[in-house]
Every structure is written in structure tokens, then in C-alpha cells.
Amino acid sequence: MSAEYIRSEQGTNTRNGGREGTDIGQGAGYQELKKFTMNVLSLSDDAKKKLRRELGLIV
């Protein structure tokens, strides 16, 4: 099969037999991204504005 990932009931199998977690979104780095996102969402409005400005998302 030419697909790089094959979805199965047990999780996502890679072509070489490796495993990528047990469900969509549970792969490597997902928990880190989720934690970071929750931290950003919990910032005050002023802190969010400052972060956006520092990241160049707003002028």
C-alpha cells in the first residue's frame, strides 16, 4: 500500500511497523502542544496582546 500511514482500530501504524499512538492527536508532541496552548489561553488579555505583538502577529 502506498499510503504512509494506515489507520487501524489499535492506532496509527507507520509503514515500517512503528506506532504513532492510540488515537488521532495522541502522537509525539501532541501533549506538549496541548499544554502550551492551554497556558496561552489562560493568559490575561494584556499578556495575550503582548505575546501577539512580540510574535509579530499584530502591529
Protein backbone atom coordinates (compact mmCIF):
# COMPACT_ATOMS: atom_id res chain seq x y z
CA MET A 1 0.00 0.00 0.00
CA SER A 2 1.40 3.40 -0.94
CA ALA A 3 -0.11 5.36 1.96
CA GLU A 4 2.45 6.41 4.53
CA TYR A 5 0.08 5.77 7.43
CA ILE A 6 -2.51 3.05 7.75
CA ARG A 7 -5.35 3.66 10.21
CA SER A 8 -6.38 0.69 12.31
CA GLU A 9 -8.52 0.09 15.39
CA GLN A 10 -5.40 -0.17 17.55
CA GLY A 11 -3.88 3.12 16.41
CA THR A 12 -1.87 4.51 13.55
CA ASN A 13 0.70 2.12 12.08
CA THR A 14 3.60 3.53 10.13
CA ARG A 15 4.91 1.84 7.02
CA ASN A 16 7.93 0.42 8.83
CA GLY A 17 5.87 -1.12 11.64
CA GLY A 18 6.28 1.70 14.16
CA ARG A 19 3.47 3.06 16.29
CA GLU A 20 2.20 6.65 16.48
CA GLY A 21 -0.12 6.48 19.50
CA THR A 22 -3.54 5.04 20.05
CA ASP A 23 -5.82 7.75 18.71
CA ILE A 24 -5.85 10.78 16.45
CA GLY A 25 -3.95 13.62 18.09
CA GLN A 26 -2.07 11.42 20.54
CA GLY A 27 1.16 11.23 18.55
CA ALA A 28 4.54 12.61 19.51
CA GLY A 29 4.43 16.23 20.60
CA TYR A 30 0.65 16.43 20.95
CA GLN A 31 0.69 16.64 24.75
CA GLU A 32 3.37 19.35 24.65
CA LEU A 33 1.37 21.39 22.15
CA LYS A 34 -1.82 20.94 24.17
CA LYS A 35 -0.07 22.09 27.37
CA PHE A 36 1.39 25.15 25.61
CA THR A 37 -1.98 26.04 24.09
CA MET A 38 -3.75 25.78 27.44
CA ASN A 39 -1.08 28.01 29.02
CA VAL A 40 -1.51 30.64 26.31
CA LEU A 41 -5.30 30.53 26.62
CA SER A 42 -5.05 31.08 30.37
CA LEU A 43 -3.06 34.33 29.96
CA SER A 44 -4.70 37.65 30.71
CA ASP A 45 -5.89 39.74 27.75
CA ASP A 46 -2.97 42.16 28.20
CA ALA A 47 -0.47 39.29 28.22
CA LYS A 48 -2.07 37.80 25.08
CA LYS A 49 -1.77 41.17 23.31
CA LYS A 50 1.88 41.47 24.33
CA LEU A 51 2.60 37.92 23.14
CA ARG A 52 0.92 38.58 19.78
CA ARG A 53 2.92 41.79 19.39
CA GLU A 54 6.19 40.02 20.24
CA LEU A 55 5.44 37.22 17.79
CA GLY A 56 4.65 39.74 15.07
CA LEU A 57 1.03 38.66 14.76
CA ILE A 58 -0.26 42.20 15.27
CA VAL A 59 1.31 45.60 14.68
